[in-house]
Amino acid sequence: MKYIVIIGDGMADRPVEELGGLTPLKKAETPNMDRLAREGIIGSVRTVPEGFPPGSDVANLSILGYDPRSYYTGRAPLEAASIGVTLDTHDVAYRCNLVTLRFGADKTRAIMDDYSSGHISTEEAREIIGTIEQRLGTEDIVFYPGVSYRHLMVWKNGYADMECTPPHDILEKEVSGYLPSGRGENVLRGLMTKSAVLLNDHPVNRKRVANGKKPASSIWLWGQGRKPQLPSYKEKYGISGALVSAVDLTKGLGICAGFEVLDVPGATGWLDTNYAGKTEYALDALEKVDFVYLHIEAPDEAGHSGSCKDKIKAIGDFDAFVVGPVLKGLEERFREYRVLLLPDHATPVTIRTHTDEPVPFVLYDSREKKNNQGASYDESITGRNDIMVIKEGHRLMDYFIKEVPA
């Protein structure tokens, strides 16, 4: 048996007035996902446990079968694993975004304009993070470059019990009320303030502004935590696995789960990502391993941007260039296989951030096709009375692999 999980990150949404009350998922052309909904087990799953922030870290950890209440330590340690940064017991990793702040005339007030600095390129970001490390790094504070706007800071013997806010949660809000608070807050606030001064006239930013692009005007520190300890999939389920993603967070989860993590050329995490390459790598990996986790970030990024047009395109491309080719490849290459399709969480375009409501899933088994009359893959699945309802998200993977009641 072969297993593949296909994640359309942030794909679920809420009704949008400009779409006539439809969601972007309902509006998009999704014949391949609709086919799965008609022929698979359909259901509703809560991927974010009560009391947890609805982040991709918590949600993907849950989908992979790990109870966040037992295994979650923070987002940044997972990203550290992805880029090869080894954390000691007393190290605390922080996610370090390059963000665009919009300052008032007196420079005393700042609005969170863009959590991604206009999806800054990895090459530009590496130059900026190099400057940050050179000027602000110390023996105890080290900055590491990642991909695009997503980077890492490690605080040796630092504090993890601070309240930090994801920058994508405070778009168009004044940032003063969302700065890190708690033990050690002065260190983080100081670094963020100094970075804004340092980057004000950085050569990369001068060039971006001249070209009509948003500058990386500050770092933003959040998502902190210490090194997690997860049992591997070989230990947990007795199977081997691989992961395909453009995002350090999910790559780190894959490493912690003992997967082979595949780097696909041209995988960006945005609308221009190499969908065909990610699909090809996933199918080729299934020739060698039992399980593949295929993660597509673009719908989530479109949700954060607040663009219905971009999100509809991201979902349509996901269906046409990922789901469709995956199903075709599975049919051609393997005799028995199971497919699990879902978003990790909703990212409604109207609020531009994650929410924790249950999301629809489809579990398709090549050995037993269902006949769900009139079903289509969208949020309406969660309101049906003939579905599987999973209230604890980490139990879905047990059912998918072990075929035991969830």
Protein backbone atom coordinates (compact mmCIF):
# COMPACT_ATOMS: atom_id res chain seq x y z
CA MET A 1 0.00 0.00 0.00
CA LYS A 2 1.20 3.51 -0.88
CA TYR A 3 0.04 6.60 1.01
CA ILE A 4 0.09 10.22 -0.11
CA VAL A 5 -1.17 13.27 1.79
CA ILE A 6 -1.85 16.35 -0.34
CA ILE A 7 -2.06 19.61 1.60
CA GLY A 8 -3.50 22.78 0.06
CA ASP A 9 -2.26 25.10 2.79
CA GLY A 10 -4.92 27.55 3.98
CA MET A 11 -7.25 26.48 1.15
CA ALA A 12 -10.45 26.58 3.23
CA ASP A 13 -12.19 29.94 3.58
CA ARG A 14 -15.45 31.69 4.44
CA PRO A 15 -18.23 33.06 2.18
CA VAL A 16 -17.12 36.22 0.37
CA GLU A 17 -19.59 38.94 -0.62
CA GLU A 18 -17.79 39.79 -3.86
CA LEU A 19 -18.09 36.12 -4.88
CA GLY A 20 -21.85 36.11 -4.35
CA GLY A 21 -21.55 34.35 -1.00
CA LEU A 22 -19.28 31.61 -2.33
CA THR A 23 -15.86 30.77 -0.93
CA PRO A 24 -12.76 30.86 -3.16
CA LEU A 25 -12.64 27.05 -2.90
CA LYS A 26 -16.25 26.80 -4.06
CA LYS A 27 -15.65 29.32 -6.85
CA ALA A 28 -12.48 27.73 -8.22
CA GLU A 29 -12.48 25.07 -10.92
CA THR A 30 -11.59 21.87 -9.07
CA PRO A 31 -12.70 18.81 -11.09
CA ASN A 32 -10.03 16.54 -9.64
CA MET A 33 -10.77 17.36 -6.02
CA ASP A 34 -14.50 17.07 -6.74
CA ARG A 35 -13.91 13.60 -8.14
CA LEU A 36 -12.14 12.60 -4.93
CA ALA A 37 -15.05 13.98 -2.90
CA ARG A 38 -17.50 11.85 -4.86
CA GLU A 39 -15.42 8.67 -4.64
CA GLY A 40 -13.74 8.92 -1.24
CA ILE A 41 -14.64 9.12 2.43
CA ILE A 42 -15.52 12.74 3.14
CA GLY A 43 -15.29 14.33 6.53
CA SER A 44 -14.57 17.22 8.83
CA VAL A 45 -11.47 17.47 11.02
CA ARG A 46 -10.36 19.97 13.64
CA THR A 47 -6.63 20.25 13.07
CA VAL A 48 -6.04 22.85 15.80
CA PRO A 49 -6.78 21.74 19.38
CA GLU A 50 -8.72 24.11 21.58
CA GLY A 51 -6.46 26.65 23.22
CA PHE A 52 -3.75 26.50 20.55
CA PRO A 53 -3.03 29.25 18.02
CA PRO A 54 -4.19 28.26 14.52
CA GLY A 55 -0.72 28.17 13.03
CA SER A 56 0.56 25.92 10.27
CA ASP A 57 2.99 24.43 12.79
CA VAL A 58 0.23 23.17 15.10
CA ALA A 59 -2.06 22.13 12.23
CA ASN A 60 0.53 20.17 10.23
CA LEU A 61 1.89 18.54 13.37
CA SER A 62 -1.66 17.39 14.10
CA ILE A 63 -2.27 16.14 10.54
CA LEU A 64 0.94 14.13 10.70
CA GLY A 65 -0.48 12.26 13.68
CA TYR A 66 1.32 13.99 16.55
CA ASP A 67 -0.87 15.40 19.32
CA PRO A 68 0.22 19.05 19.72
CA ARG A 69 -0.66 18.83 23.40
CA SER A 70 2.19 16.35 23.81
CA TYR A 71 4.71 17.35 21.13
CA TYR A 72 4.35 21.04 20.26
CA THR A 73 7.24 23.24 21.43
CA GLY A 74 7.01 26.10 18.92
CA ARG A 75 7.32 26.87 15.23
CA ALA A 76 10.90 28.08 14.97
CA PRO A 77 12.58 24.89 16.26
CA LEU A 78 11.00 23.02 13.34
CA GLU A 79 12.40 25.56 10.92
CA ALA A 80 15.79 25.23 12.60
CA ALA A 81 15.76 21.52 11.83
CA SER A 82 14.94 22.30 8.20
CA ILE A 83 17.95 24.53 7.61
CA GLY A 84 20.36 22.31 9.53
CA VAL A 85 20.66 24.38 12.71
CA THR A 86 21.25 22.11 15.71
CA LEU A 87 19.69 23.38 18.92
CA ASP A 88 21.15 22.65 22.32
CA THR A 89 18.92 22.01 25.31
CA HIS A 90 19.02 25.62 26.48
CA ASP A 91 18.73 27.26 23.05
CA VAL A 92 15.54 29.03 21.99
CA ALA A 93 14.82 29.46 18.29
CA TYR A 94 12.74 32.36 16.98
CA ARG A 95 11.20 32.79 13.55
CA CYS A 96 12.64 35.96 12.03
CA ASN A 97 10.43 37.53 9.34
CA LEU A 98 11.58 40.34 7.13
CA VAL A 99 8.59 42.66 7.20
CA THR A 100 7.54 45.98 5.70
CA LEU A 101 6.50 48.56 8.28
CA ARG A 102 4.74 51.74 7.21
CA PHE A 103 5.96 54.54 9.45
CA GLY A 104 4.13 57.74 10.28
CA ALA A 105 5.65 61.14 9.54
CA ASP A 106 7.17 61.40 13.04
CA LYS A 107 8.61 57.85 12.83
CA THR A 108 7.11 57.00 16.25
CA ARG A 109 4.22 54.89 14.93
CA ALA A 110 4.40 51.97 12.53
CA ILE A 111 1.76 49.90 10.75
CA MET A 112 2.36 46.28 9.67
CA ASP A 113 2.15 46.77 5.92
CA ASP A 114 3.45 43.38 4.71
CA TYR A 115 4.56 40.30 6.64
CA SER A 116 6.71 39.15 3.67
CA SER A 117 8.37 42.37 2.40
CA GLY A 118 6.59 41.89 -0.89
CA HIS A 119 7.71 38.25 -1.06
CA ILE A 120 11.32 39.36 -1.16
CA SER A 121 13.65 37.06 -3.10
CA THR A 122 15.87 34.62 -1.24
CA GLU A 123 18.99 36.23 -2.71
CA GLU A 124 18.03 39.71 -1.52
CA ALA A 125 16.96 38.39 1.88
CA ARG A 126 20.24 36.53 2.41
CA GLU A 127 22.15 39.77 1.89
CA ILE A 128 19.96 41.54 4.43
CA ILE A 129 20.16 38.76 7.01
CA GLY A 130 23.95 38.74 6.53
CA THR A 131 23.99 42.41 7.47
CA ILE A 132 21.71 41.77 10.46
CA GLU A 133 23.99 38.99 11.70
CA GLN A 134 27.12 41.07 11.19
CA ARG A 135 25.76 44.11 13.01
CA LEU A 136 23.34 42.65 15.59
CA GLY A 137 24.58 39.10 16.13
CA THR A 138 26.52 38.28 19.30
CA GLU A 139 27.94 35.24 21.02
CA ASP A 140 24.44 34.46 22.30
CA ILE A 141 22.30 35.83 19.42
CA VAL A 142 22.78 34.25 15.98
CA PHE A 143 20.78 34.90 12.80
CA TYR A 144 20.45 32.26 10.06
CA PRO A 145 19.17 32.85 6.51
CA GLY A 146 16.20 30.85 5.23
CA VAL A 147 13.98 31.26 2.17
CA SER A 148 12.39 34.51 0.96
CA TYR A 149 11.09 36.40 4.01
CA ARG A 150 11.37 33.44 6.42
CA HIS A 151 14.51 33.34 8.57
CA LEU A 152 15.72 32.22 11.99
CA MET A 153 17.26 33.63 15.13
CA VAL A 154 18.73 31.44 17.88
CA TRP A 155 19.10 32.84 21.39
CA LYS A 156 21.53 30.75 23.40
CA ASN A 157 20.33 30.33 27.00
CA GLY A 158 17.38 32.50 26.04
CA TYR A 159 13.78 32.76 27.18
CA ALA A 160 10.87 31.01 25.49
CA ASP A 161 7.96 32.07 27.73
CA MET A 162 7.20 35.32 25.95
CA GLU A 163 4.04 36.35 24.13
CA CYS A 164 4.88 37.02 20.50
CA THR A 165 2.47 37.76 17.65
CA PRO A 166 2.73 36.40 14.09
CA PRO A 167 3.07 39.38 11.73
CA HIS A 168 0.43 38.01 9.34
CA ASP A 169 -2.09 38.35 12.19
CA ILE A 170 -1.68 42.11 12.47
CA LEU A 171 -1.75 43.39 8.90
CA GLU A 172 -2.75 47.06 8.72
CA LYS A 173 -2.51 47.37 12.51
CA GLU A 174 -0.18 49.52 14.56
CA VAL A 175 2.56 47.23 15.84
CA SER A 176 3.19 48.89 19.21
CA GLY A 177 0.51 46.82 20.90
CA TYR A 178 1.88 43.55 19.51
CA LEU A 179 5.56 43.71 20.36
CA PRO A 180 7.07 40.78 22.34
CA SER A 181 6.07 40.86 25.99
CA GLY A 182 7.29 38.89 28.99
CA ARG A 183 10.62 37.83 30.42
CA GLY A 184 13.34 38.90 28.00
CA GLU A 185 11.14 41.28 26.01
CA ASN A 186 13.74 44.06 26.09
CA VAL A 187 16.20 41.90 24.16
CA LEU A 188 13.75 41.16 21.36
CA ARG A 189 12.31 44.65 21.19
CA GLY A 190 15.80 46.07 21.09
CA LEU A 191 16.82 43.85 18.18
CA MET A 192 13.69 44.74 16.21
CA THR A 193 14.16 48.48 16.81
CA LYS A 194 17.83 48.36 15.86
CA SER A 195 17.06 46.38 12.72
CA ALA A 196 14.62 49.08 11.54
CA VAL A 197 17.34 51.71 11.87
CA LEU A 198 19.91 49.46 10.20
CA LEU A 199 17.70 48.58 7.25
CA ASN A 200 16.38 52.07 6.61
CA ASP A 201 19.10 52.78 4.04
CA HIS A 202 20.25 49.27 3.17
CA PRO A 203 21.43 48.91 -0.46
CA VAL A 204 18.96 46.07 -1.11
CA ASN A 205 16.09 48.23 0.08
CA ARG A 206 17.22 51.25 -1.92
CA LYS A 207 17.17 49.11 -5.04
CA ARG A 208 13.76 47.56 -4.20
CA VAL A 209 12.15 50.95 -3.59
CA ALA A 210 13.63 52.30 -6.83
CA ASN A 211 12.01 49.37 -8.64
CA GLY A 212 8.63 49.97 -7.01
CA LYS A 213 8.93 47.06 -4.57
CA LYS A 214 8.33 46.97 -0.83
CA PRO A 215 11.44 47.26 1.36
CA ALA A 216 12.40 44.88 4.15
CA SER A 217 12.21 47.58 6.77
CA SER A 218 12.51 45.49 9.95
CA ILE A 219 12.87 42.01 11.40
CA TRP A 220 9.93 40.56 13.34
CA LEU A 221 10.61 37.87 15.95
CA TRP A 222 7.98 35.26 16.90
CA GLY A 223 7.17 31.52 16.93
CA GLN A 224 9.75 30.71 19.59
CA GLY A 225 10.47 27.33 21.13
CA ARG A 226 12.98 24.69 22.12
CA LYS A 227 14.03 21.54 20.29
CA PRO A 228 11.12 19.04 19.93
CA GLN A 229 11.33 15.27 20.34
CA LEU A 230 9.08 13.35 17.92
CA PRO A 231 8.97 9.57 17.35
CA SER A 232 9.77 8.81 13.72
CA TYR A 233 7.20 7.35 11.32
CA LYS A 234 9.24 4.15 11.32
CA GLU A 235 8.74 3.96 15.09
CA LYS A 236 5.15 5.22 15.08
CA TYR A 237 3.69 3.44 12.04
CA GLY A 238 6.41 1.10 10.78
CA ILE A 239 6.64 2.85 7.40
CA SER A 240 9.14 5.00 5.53
CA GLY A 241 8.31 8.49 4.30
CA ALA A 242 9.30 11.52 2.26
CA LEU A 243 8.17 15.13 2.22
CA VAL A 244 7.90 17.69 -0.57
CA SER A 245 7.46 21.35 0.40
CA ALA A 246 8.89 24.80 -0.28
CA VAL A 247 8.46 25.86 3.35
CA ASP A 248 11.08 25.42 6.08
CA LEU A 249 8.40 24.76 8.71
CA THR A 250 7.01 21.67 6.99
CA LYS A 251 10.48 20.54 5.95
CA GLY A 252 11.49 20.67 9.61
CA LEU A 253 8.47 18.60 10.58
CA GLY A 254 9.51 16.06 7.96
CA ILE A 255 13.03 15.87 9.33
CA CYS A 256 11.72 15.41 12.87
CA ALA A 257 9.41 12.62 11.62
CA GLY A 258 12.34 10.84 10.00
CA PHE A 259 11.31 11.55 6.39
CA GLU A 260 13.54 12.10 3.41
CA VAL A 261 13.00 15.78 2.65
CA LEU A 262 13.17 16.53 -1.07
CA ASP A 263 14.30 19.90 -2.42
CA VAL A 264 12.53 20.71 -5.68
CA PRO A 265 14.11 23.30 -8.00
CA GLY A 266 11.81 26.26 -8.48
CA ALA A 267 9.62 25.53 -5.45
CA THR A 268 8.83 28.99 -4.08
CA GLY A 269 5.73 28.61 -1.93
CA TRP A 270 3.91 31.19 -4.09
CA LEU A 271 1.81 31.29 -7.25
CA ASP A 272 4.92 30.83 -9.38
CA THR A 273 6.01 27.61 -7.66
CA ASN A 274 7.12 24.59 -9.66
CA TYR A 275 3.92 22.54 -9.32
CA ALA A 276 4.97 19.98 -11.94
CA GLY A 277 8.33 19.43 -10.29
CA LYS A 278 6.81 18.92 -6.85
CA THR A 279 4.32 16.42 -8.26
CA GLU A 280 7.04 14.53 -10.13
CA TYR A 281 9.29 14.36 -7.06
CA ALA A 282 6.39 13.12 -4.92
CA LEU A 283 5.45 10.32 -7.33
CA ASP A 284 9.06 9.28 -7.83
CA ALA A 285 9.55 9.18 -4.06
CA LEU A 286 6.57 6.82 -3.70
CA GLU A 287 8.49 4.30 -5.80
CA LYS A 288 11.00 4.09 -2.94
CA VAL A 289 9.05 4.85 0.25
CA ASP A 290 5.61 4.02 1.66
CA PHE A 291 4.34 7.52 2.46
CA VAL A 292 4.67 11.01 0.94
CA TYR A 293 3.53 14.33 2.40
CA LEU A 294 3.04 16.82 -0.44
CA HIS A 295 2.57 20.40 0.77
CA ILE A 296 1.52 23.36 -1.40
CA GLU A 297 1.76 26.79 0.21
CA ALA A 298 0.28 29.09 -2.46
CA PRO A 299 -3.41 29.15 -1.32
CA ASP A 300 -2.34 30.24 2.16
CA GLU A 301 -0.14 33.04 0.85
CA ALA A 302 -3.02 34.22 -1.34
CA GLY A 303 -5.33 34.19 1.68
CA HIS A 304 -2.88 36.36 3.61
CA SER A 305 -2.72 38.78 0.71
CA GLY A 306 -6.52 39.22 0.87
CA SER A 307 -6.87 38.60 -2.86
CA CYS A 308 -9.83 36.48 -3.96
CA LYS A 309 -8.42 36.43 -7.48
CA ASP A 310 -5.05 35.06 -6.36
CA LYS A 311 -6.61 32.51 -4.05
CA ILE A 312 -8.98 31.21 -6.72
CA LYS A 313 -6.02 30.92 -9.09
CA ALA A 314 -3.89 29.17 -6.45
CA ILE A 315 -6.65 26.63 -5.76
CA GLY A 316 -7.33 26.06 -9.45
CA ASP A 317 -3.63 25.56 -10.15
CA PHE A 318 -3.38 23.20 -7.17
CA ASP A 319 -6.18 21.09 -8.60
CA ALA A 320 -4.94 21.16 -12.21
CA PHE A 321 -1.19 20.86 -11.70
CA VAL A 322 -0.96 18.83 -8.48
CA VAL A 323 -4.08 16.84 -7.62
CA GLY A 324 -4.87 15.82 -11.20
CA PRO A 325 -1.34 14.70 -12.14
CA VAL A 326 -0.90 12.93 -8.80
CA LEU A 327 -4.07 10.89 -9.35
CA LYS A 328 -3.01 10.05 -12.91
CA GLY A 329 0.46 9.04 -11.75
CA LEU A 330 -0.88 6.89 -8.94
CA GLU A 331 -3.21 5.06 -11.32
CA GLU A 332 -0.38 4.39 -13.74
CA ARG A 333 2.30 3.35 -11.25
CA PHE A 334 0.69 1.63 -8.28
CA ARG A 335 -1.85 -1.09 -7.73
CA GLU A 336 -3.07 -0.03 -4.27
CA TYR A 337 -2.88 3.44 -2.79
CA ARG A 338 -4.63 5.83 -0.45
CA VAL A 339 -4.91 9.60 -0.81
CA LEU A 340 -5.66 12.09 1.96
CA LEU A 341 -6.58 15.57 0.73
CA LEU A 342 -7.16 18.58 2.99
CA PRO A 343 -6.04 22.07 3.98
CA ASP A 344 -4.15 22.37 7.24
CA HIS A 345 -6.43 25.23 8.31
CA ALA A 346 -8.55 28.00 6.83
CA THR A 347 -7.04 31.33 5.78
CA PRO A 348 -10.05 33.53 4.95
CA VAL A 349 -9.27 36.34 2.51
CA THR A 350 -11.61 38.69 4.39
CA ILE A 351 -9.47 38.62 7.55
CA ARG A 352 -6.12 37.62 5.98
CA THR A 353 -5.07 35.28 8.76
CA HIS A 354 -5.56 31.70 9.98
CA THR A 355 -8.65 30.42 11.78
CA ASP A 356 -9.25 27.23 13.73
CA GLU A 357 -12.63 26.02 12.43
CA PRO A 358 -12.89 22.40 11.20
CA VAL A 359 -11.77 21.84 7.62
CA PRO A 360 -13.04 19.35 5.00
CA PHE A 361 -11.01 16.28 4.11
CA VAL A 362 -11.26 13.43 1.63
CA LEU A 363 -9.77 9.98 2.18
CA TYR A 364 -9.66 8.06 -1.10
CA ASP A 365 -8.83 4.35 -1.29
CA SER A 366 -8.14 2.82 -4.71
CA ARG A 367 -9.58 -0.49 -3.50
CA GLU A 368 -13.01 0.87 -2.57
CA LYS A 369 -14.59 3.80 -4.36
CA LYS A 370 -17.56 5.49 -2.71
CA ASN A 371 -20.56 7.09 -4.40
CA ASN A 372 -21.23 10.39 -2.66
CA GLN A 373 -23.97 11.80 -4.85
CA GLY A 374 -23.67 15.53 -5.45
CA ALA A 375 -20.53 15.96 -3.37
CA SER A 376 -17.93 18.54 -4.34
CA TYR A 377 -14.74 19.38 -2.52
CA ASP A 378 -15.40 22.55 -0.56
CA GLU A 379 -16.36 23.74 2.90
CA SER A 380 -19.96 22.52 2.49
CA ILE A 381 -18.66 19.05 3.33
CA THR A 382 -18.32 20.05 6.98
CA GLY A 383 -22.06 20.73 7.18
CA ARG A 384 -23.24 17.39 5.83
CA ASN A 385 -24.74 14.78 8.16
CA ASP A 386 -23.27 11.77 6.32
CA ILE A 387 -19.59 12.47 6.96
CA MET A 388 -16.83 11.27 9.25
CA VAL A 389 -16.25 13.81 12.03
CA ILE A 390 -12.84 13.85 13.70
CA LYS A 391 -12.62 16.20 16.65
CA GLU A 392 -8.96 15.47 17.47
CA GLY A 393 -6.94 16.08 14.33
CA HIS A 394 -4.00 13.84 15.21
CA ARG A 395 -6.30 10.80 15.07
CA LEU A 396 -6.97 11.22 11.36
CA MET A 397 -3.53 9.86 10.44
CA ASP A 398 -4.11 6.74 12.53
CA TYR A 399 -7.22 6.04 10.49
CA PHE A 400 -5.51 6.85 7.20
CA ILE A 401 -2.61 4.47 7.79
CA LYS A 402 -3.91 1.88 10.23
CA GLU A 403 -7.54 1.87 9.05
CA VAL A 404 -8.76 1.94 12.62
CA PRO A 405 -11.70 3.97 13.93
CA ALA A 406 -10.75 7.59 14.56
